[in-house]
């Protein structure tokens, strides 16, 4: 694999075929190309900063039309073709028993464990932009839809978000430090293979 500069493969669910991530030149821009035929896995990069000092995330992504739809067999409803995730630190003592038990279980089952809270920016077909929804597995993972439908497939989309405001909206509390940045593309829930491109991801003070 190409040197993806500080990115490492994140915990893969046992038995899943990992997504292939490699650097490509697309329209004169170096980007990470993700190809997932089945299963899927993410890439993770360790970071550590106070989001109040750098509250703005800006990133670029691009999804081919087929992948935005979910494949030739029609739209993929439940699973986004692109996800950018932020992992936040926090005090697990503030969580209820269920979530604490899940955190402990996740730590036992995976290399990295589950962070205190995760905020994911996703492209979703069946939810309008600005929808916030929880992971079916835990309330500690919230998704914010920042692109919806396939109108802007096949083009670079620049997304700029205030992560402090988004975290407050999603979790109704103040964020701790950001401790990891992730990206993930998996195959469609209709079984279709998918491809996506991730460009630069930067954090800004304003």
Protein backbone atom coordinates (compact mmCIF):
# COMPACT_ATOMS: atom_id res chain seq x y z
CA UNK A 1 0.00 0.00 0.00
CA UNK A 2 0.90 3.60 -0.58
CA UNK A 3 2.06 5.68 2.36
CA UNK A 4 -1.13 7.32 3.54
CA UNK A 5 0.72 9.74 5.82
CA UNK A 6 -0.30 8.88 9.37
CA UNK A 7 -3.46 6.96 8.42
CA UNK A 8 -3.82 3.38 9.60
CA UNK A 9 -6.45 0.72 8.96
CA UNK A 10 -8.99 0.87 11.78
CA UNK A 11 -10.35 -2.19 13.56
CA UNK A 12 -11.90 -4.50 11.00
CA UNK A 13 -14.91 -6.58 11.98
CA UNK A 14 -13.80 -10.22 11.96
CA UNK A 15 -14.53 -11.87 8.64
CA UNK A 16 -15.01 -8.57 6.78
CA UNK A 17 -13.05 -7.95 3.61
CA UNK A 18 -11.20 -4.67 4.26
CA UNK A 19 -11.85 -1.68 2.03
CA UNK A 20 -8.88 -0.89 -0.25
CA UNK A 21 -7.53 2.64 0.31
CA UNK A 22 -4.82 4.09 -1.91
CA UNK A 23 -3.59 7.48 -3.11
CA UNK A 24 -4.60 8.58 -6.60
CA UNK A 25 -4.29 11.72 -8.67
CA UNK A 26 -7.72 12.92 -9.75
CA UNK A 27 -8.06 16.19 -11.69
CA UNK A 28 -4.60 17.22 -10.47
CA UNK A 29 -5.55 16.64 -6.82
CA UNK A 30 -4.09 13.88 -4.69
CA UNK A 31 -6.90 12.04 -2.93
CA UNK A 32 -7.52 8.80 -1.10
CA UNK A 33 -9.52 6.40 -3.27
CA UNK A 34 -11.65 3.87 -1.39
CA UNK A 35 -12.87 0.67 -3.06
CA UNK A 36 -15.16 -1.68 -1.21
CA UNK A 37 -16.49 -4.83 -2.82
CA UNK A 38 -17.85 -6.50 0.31
CA UNK A 39 -17.61 -5.99 4.04
CA UNK A 40 -15.65 -2.82 4.61
CA UNK A 41 -13.24 -1.10 6.96
CA UNK A 42 -12.12 2.41 7.79
CA UNK A 43 -8.94 4.41 8.05
CA UNK A 44 -8.06 6.23 11.26
CA UNK A 45 -5.61 8.95 12.14
CA UNK A 46 -4.67 9.80 15.74
CA UNK A 47 -4.96 13.49 16.55
CA UNK A 48 -5.37 15.39 19.81
CA UNK A 49 -6.72 18.92 20.10
CA UNK A 50 -9.32 21.03 21.84
CA UNK A 51 -12.13 21.70 19.34
CA UNK A 52 -12.74 25.11 20.93
CA UNK A 53 -9.36 26.19 19.55
CA UNK A 54 -9.99 24.64 16.12
CA UNK A 55 -13.78 24.42 15.83
CA UNK A 56 -14.04 24.27 12.03
CA UNK A 57 -13.47 21.14 9.96
CA UNK A 58 -13.21 21.46 6.20
CA UNK A 59 -12.97 18.46 3.90
CA UNK A 60 -13.62 17.39 0.33
CA UNK A 61 -15.17 14.21 -0.95
CA UNK A 62 -16.45 12.88 -4.23
CA UNK A 63 -18.76 9.95 -4.94
CA UNK A 64 -19.24 8.41 -8.42
CA UNK A 65 -22.91 8.38 -9.47
CA UNK A 66 -23.26 4.59 -9.26
CA UNK A 67 -21.91 4.57 -5.71
CA UNK A 68 -24.07 7.54 -4.69
CA UNK A 69 -27.08 5.55 -5.89
CA UNK A 70 -25.78 2.39 -4.25
CA UNK A 71 -25.06 0.53 -7.48
CA UNK A 72 -26.76 -0.51 -10.69
CA UNK A 73 -29.52 -2.23 -8.74
CA UNK A 74 -30.80 1.06 -7.29
CA UNK A 75 -30.28 3.16 -4.19
CA UNK A 76 -28.56 1.94 -1.06
CA UNK A 77 -30.78 3.18 1.74
CA UNK A 78 -29.23 2.44 5.10
CA UNK A 79 -25.54 2.82 4.52
CA UNK A 80 -23.74 6.05 3.49
CA UNK A 81 -21.12 5.84 0.70
CA UNK A 82 -18.80 8.22 2.56
CA UNK A 83 -18.27 8.95 6.25
CA UNK A 84 -15.87 11.26 8.04
CA UNK A 85 -15.77 10.54 11.76
CA UNK A 86 -14.44 12.44 14.77
CA UNK A 87 -13.76 10.61 18.04
CA UNK A 88 -14.07 12.64 21.26
CA UNK A 89 -12.66 12.08 24.72
CA UNK A 90 -14.90 12.35 27.76
CA UNK A 91 -15.65 10.99 31.20
CA UNK A 92 -17.23 7.51 30.94
CA UNK A 93 -18.56 7.91 34.50
CA UNK A 94 -21.16 10.29 33.04
CA UNK A 95 -22.63 7.52 30.86
CA UNK A 96 -25.49 5.28 31.88
CA UNK A 97 -24.90 1.62 32.67
CA UNK A 98 -25.79 0.35 29.17
CA UNK A 99 -23.36 2.65 27.40
CA UNK A 100 -20.60 1.96 29.94
CA UNK A 101 -21.05 -1.77 29.39
CA UNK A 102 -20.85 -1.26 25.60
CA UNK A 103 -17.67 0.80 25.95
CA UNK A 104 -16.08 -1.95 28.05
CA UNK A 105 -17.17 -4.59 25.57
CA UNK A 106 -15.84 -2.55 22.64
CA UNK A 107 -12.49 -2.14 24.41
CA UNK A 108 -12.34 -5.91 24.92
CA UNK A 109 -13.24 -6.70 21.30
CA UNK A 110 -11.23 -4.14 19.35
CA UNK A 111 -7.71 -2.78 19.34
CA UNK A 112 -8.76 0.84 19.72
CA UNK A 113 -11.88 0.48 21.82
CA UNK A 114 -14.88 2.71 21.36
CA UNK A 115 -14.32 6.42 22.02
CA UNK A 116 -16.45 8.23 24.59
CA UNK A 117 -18.41 9.79 21.70
CA UNK A 118 -18.20 9.79 17.91
CA UNK A 119 -19.65 12.30 15.49
CA UNK A 120 -19.92 11.21 11.84
CA UNK A 121 -20.50 13.40 8.81
CA UNK A 122 -22.26 11.33 6.14
CA UNK A 123 -23.78 11.43 2.66
CA UNK A 124 -27.15 9.76 2.87
CA UNK A 125 -29.88 9.08 0.32
CA UNK A 126 -32.91 8.59 2.51
CA UNK A 127 -32.46 11.48 4.98
CA UNK A 128 -32.48 15.21 4.18
CA UNK A 129 -29.40 17.30 4.97
CA UNK A 130 -29.00 18.32 8.64
CA UNK A 131 -30.77 15.18 9.89
CA UNK A 132 -29.08 13.77 13.01
CA UNK A 133 -29.50 10.06 13.75
CA UNK A 134 -27.94 7.58 16.19
CA UNK A 135 -26.13 4.36 15.45
CA UNK A 136 -28.46 1.36 15.94
CA UNK A 137 -25.84 -0.04 18.36
CA UNK A 138 -25.22 2.91 20.68
CA UNK A 139 -26.39 6.44 21.38
CA UNK A 140 -22.70 7.42 21.68
CA UNK A 141 -22.34 7.43 17.89
CA UNK A 142 -24.33 10.16 16.11
CA UNK A 143 -24.48 10.87 12.39
CA UNK A 144 -25.11 14.24 10.76
CA UNK A 145 -26.26 14.17 7.15
CA UNK A 146 -24.31 16.83 5.22
CA UNK A 147 -25.11 15.70 1.67
CA UNK A 148 -28.29 14.04 0.46
CA UNK A 149 -29.33 12.42 -2.81
CA UNK A 150 -27.26 12.03 -5.98
CA UNK A 151 -27.58 15.49 -7.55
CA UNK A 152 -23.92 16.30 -6.81
CA UNK A 153 -22.45 12.90 -7.64
CA UNK A 154 -19.27 12.87 -9.78
CA UNK A 155 -18.05 16.21 -8.44
CA UNK A 156 -15.85 17.41 -5.60
CA UNK A 157 -17.95 18.71 -2.72
CA UNK A 158 -16.39 20.92 -0.07
CA UNK A 159 -17.95 20.48 3.37
CA UNK A 160 -17.28 23.03 6.11
CA UNK A 161 -18.74 22.45 9.59
CA UNK A 162 -18.42 23.86 13.10
CA UNK A 163 -17.71 20.72 15.11
CA UNK A 164 -18.41 22.33 18.51
CA UNK A 165 -21.90 23.43 17.43
CA UNK A 166 -22.57 20.08 15.72
CA UNK A 167 -21.46 18.15 18.82
CA UNK A 168 -23.74 20.25 21.06
CA UNK A 169 -26.68 19.63 18.72
CA UNK A 170 -25.99 15.90 18.53
CA UNK A 171 -25.17 15.13 22.19
CA UNK A 172 -26.69 18.06 24.15
CA UNK A 173 -23.39 18.53 26.01
CA UNK A 174 -20.00 20.19 25.57
CA UNK A 175 -17.34 18.28 23.60
CA UNK A 176 -14.09 16.97 25.06
CA UNK A 177 -10.87 16.83 23.03
CA UNK A 178 -10.89 15.35 19.53
CA UNK A 179 -8.68 12.23 19.70
CA UNK A 180 -9.07 10.61 16.27
CA UNK A 181 -10.18 11.35 12.75
CA UNK A 182 -11.59 8.57 10.58
CA UNK A 183 -13.00 7.88 7.15
CA UNK A 184 -14.92 4.89 5.89
CA UNK A 185 -16.53 3.57 2.75
CA UNK A 186 -18.17 0.16 2.72
CA UNK A 187 -20.25 -1.71 0.19
CA UNK A 188 -23.91 -0.79 -0.30
CA UNK A 189 -26.54 -2.46 1.86
CA UNK A 190 -27.96 -3.72 -1.44
CA UNK A 191 -24.68 -5.64 -1.92
CA UNK A 192 -23.28 -3.29 -4.59
CA UNK A 193 -19.55 -2.47 -4.63
CA UNK A 194 -18.74 1.20 -4.04
CA UNK A 195 -15.96 3.66 -4.71
CA UNK A 196 -15.35 7.08 -3.17
CA UNK A 197 -12.67 9.76 -2.99
CA UNK A 198 -11.53 11.75 0.03
CA UNK A 199 -9.52 14.95 -0.42
CA UNK A 200 -7.80 17.17 2.14
CA UNK A 201 -9.21 17.35 5.66
CA UNK A 202 -8.21 20.45 7.66
CA UNK A 203 -9.08 21.95 11.04
CA UNK A 204 -9.26 25.72 11.34
CA UNK A 205 -9.61 28.26 14.12
CA UNK A 206 -12.44 30.03 12.25
